[in-house]
Protein backbone atom coordinates (compact mmCIF):
# COMPACT_ATOMS: atom_id res chain seq x y z
CA MET A 1 24.89 -43.55 13.56
CA VAL A 2 25.69 -40.08 13.02
CA ALA A 3 24.20 -37.29 14.62
CA VAL A 4 23.49 -34.76 12.13
CA ILE A 5 23.54 -30.92 13.63
CA ARG A 6 21.32 -28.45 12.84
CA ALA A 7 21.42 -24.35 12.55
CA PRO A 8 18.71 -22.49 13.79
CA PRO A 9 16.10 -21.49 11.97
CA ARG A 10 17.25 -18.10 10.42
CA LEU A 11 14.25 -15.35 11.34
CA VAL A 12 14.56 -12.46 8.98
CA TYR A 13 12.99 -9.30 9.54
CA ASP A 14 13.16 -5.73 8.84
CA ASP A 15 15.84 -4.58 11.17
CA ASP A 16 14.94 -0.98 10.30
CA CYS A 17 11.80 -1.14 12.16
CA GLY A 18 11.42 -1.02 15.98
CA PHE A 19 8.70 -2.64 16.42
CA CYS A 20 9.49 -6.02 14.03
CA THR A 21 13.07 -6.08 15.87
CA TRP A 22 11.37 -6.33 19.32
CA CYS A 23 9.34 -8.61 18.26
CA VAL A 24 12.57 -10.68 17.10
CA GLU A 25 14.39 -9.86 20.49
CA TYR A 26 11.13 -11.75 22.29
CA ALA A 27 11.38 -14.78 19.71
CA ASP A 28 15.08 -15.05 20.14
CA SER A 29 15.30 -14.91 23.84
CA ARG A 30 12.16 -17.71 24.17
CA GLY A 31 13.45 -19.90 21.10
CA ALA A 32 16.64 -20.48 19.24
CA PHE A 33 16.88 -18.86 16.38
CA GLU A 34 19.69 -16.45 14.50
CA PRO A 35 17.96 -13.28 13.53
CA VAL A 36 18.92 -12.02 10.08
CA GLY A 37 18.02 -7.94 9.15
CA PHE A 38 16.76 -7.32 5.71
CA SER A 39 19.90 -5.22 5.84
CA GLU A 40 22.55 -8.32 6.68
CA LEU A 41 21.00 -10.88 3.91
CA THR A 42 23.62 -12.71 2.53
CA PRO A 43 23.04 -13.54 -1.50
CA ASP A 44 22.24 -17.30 -0.79
CA GLN A 45 19.84 -15.92 2.06
CA ARG A 46 17.78 -13.54 -0.32
CA ALA A 47 17.47 -16.46 -3.05
CA ARG A 48 15.45 -18.75 -0.96
CA LEU A 49 13.32 -15.51 -0.15
CA PRO A 50 10.46 -14.27 -2.62
CA ASP A 51 10.95 -11.68 -4.20
CA ASP A 52 8.72 -9.04 -2.21
CA TYR A 53 10.24 -10.23 0.73
CA GLU A 54 10.57 -7.10 2.70
CA SER A 55 6.88 -6.86 2.60
CA CYS A 56 6.83 -9.40 5.57
CA VAL A 57 8.93 -11.20 8.25
CA HIS A 58 10.16 -15.03 7.13
CA LEU A 59 11.66 -18.02 8.93
CA LEU A 60 14.19 -19.98 6.96
CA THR A 61 15.05 -23.85 8.12
CA ASP A 62 17.40 -26.31 6.05
CA ASP A 63 14.52 -27.24 4.66
CA ALA A 64 11.36 -24.97 4.22
CA VAL A 65 10.89 -21.11 3.94
CA TYR A 66 7.64 -19.53 5.53
CA SER A 67 6.55 -15.73 4.87
CA CYS A 68 4.08 -13.58 7.18
CA GLY A 69 1.66 -15.34 8.75
CA ARG A 70 2.90 -18.57 8.50
CA ALA A 71 6.26 -17.37 9.67
CA VAL A 72 4.76 -15.87 12.83
CA GLU A 73 3.19 -19.28 13.69
CA GLU A 74 6.24 -21.45 13.05
CA ILE A 75 8.01 -19.36 15.61
CA GLY A 76 5.27 -19.13 18.13
CA ALA A 77 5.52 -23.63 17.82
CA ARG A 78 9.29 -23.34 18.45
CA LEU A 79 9.03 -20.84 21.47
CA GLY A 80 7.67 -22.11 24.71
CA PRO A 81 4.88 -23.84 26.12
CA ALA A 82 2.55 -21.42 26.30
CA GLU A 83 3.17 -20.54 23.02
CA ARG A 84 3.11 -24.18 21.43
CA THR A 85 0.06 -24.62 22.60
CA THR A 86 -1.30 -21.23 21.16
CA VAL A 87 -0.85 -22.46 18.12
CA LYS A 88 -2.05 -26.05 18.55
CA LEU A 89 -5.00 -24.44 19.40
CA PHE A 90 -5.47 -21.75 16.26
CA ARG A 91 -4.74 -24.53 14.16
CA MET A 92 -7.63 -26.47 15.06
CA VAL A 93 -9.65 -23.53 14.07
CA PRO A 94 -11.74 -23.84 10.57
CA GLY A 95 -10.90 -21.27 8.40
CA TYR A 96 -7.31 -20.39 10.39
CA ASP A 97 -4.86 -20.04 7.56
CA ARG A 98 -7.22 -17.12 5.79
CA SER A 99 -7.39 -15.50 9.41
CA ARG A 100 -3.54 -15.85 10.36
CA GLU A 101 -2.57 -13.68 7.19
CA TRP A 102 -5.30 -11.01 7.52
CA LEU A 103 -4.55 -10.68 11.32
CA TYR A 104 -0.81 -10.46 10.59
CA GLU A 105 -1.70 -7.54 7.69
CA VAL A 106 -3.53 -6.00 10.49
CA ILE A 107 -0.96 -6.10 12.79
CA ALA A 108 2.50 -5.57 9.90
CA ASP A 109 0.37 -2.60 8.34
CA GLN A 110 0.08 -0.78 12.24
CA ARG A 111 3.88 -1.51 13.14
CA ALA A 112 4.03 2.66 13.50
CA LEU A 113 1.81 2.13 16.14
CA TRP A 114 2.99 -0.86 17.86
CA GLY A 115 6.27 0.89 17.96
CA ARG A 116 5.24 3.35 19.51
CA PHE A 117 4.47 1.11 23.00
CA VAL A 118 7.26 -1.51 22.20
CA ARG A 119 10.51 -1.19 20.41
CA ARG A 120 13.82 -1.77 21.09
C-alpha cells in the first residue's frame, strides 16, 4: 500500500488586514495550514478562487475550495477539540448555513473595528 502525503490546506487571506492576519495566525497556531496572503498567491492558486476572491477568506484543499463563512467553518473543524465540537454543534442548528454567511459578513464588514482589539 502506498501512503499519500497531502499538503496542508492553504488558508488564503487579506495580508493587508491586521485583524485577518491575527485570525490566520490564531488558526495556524492551532491547526495545520499553509497561510497564503492575497499578495503571495500563485497564478494556479488564484485560478482556483472565485473572481471576487479579495472579498473574503478561503481555504484551498487538494480537492475543494471553501470561501467566506464556509471557509471559517472548515478552518474551525480543523482546529482543536473545542473548536471542532463547536462546529459540530452549529452544523446541527436549522438554518445554520444562511446564518453562518450572514455572521461572516457582519464580522468581515467591521474588520477595522476588530483590528483595534486584535491585530498582528
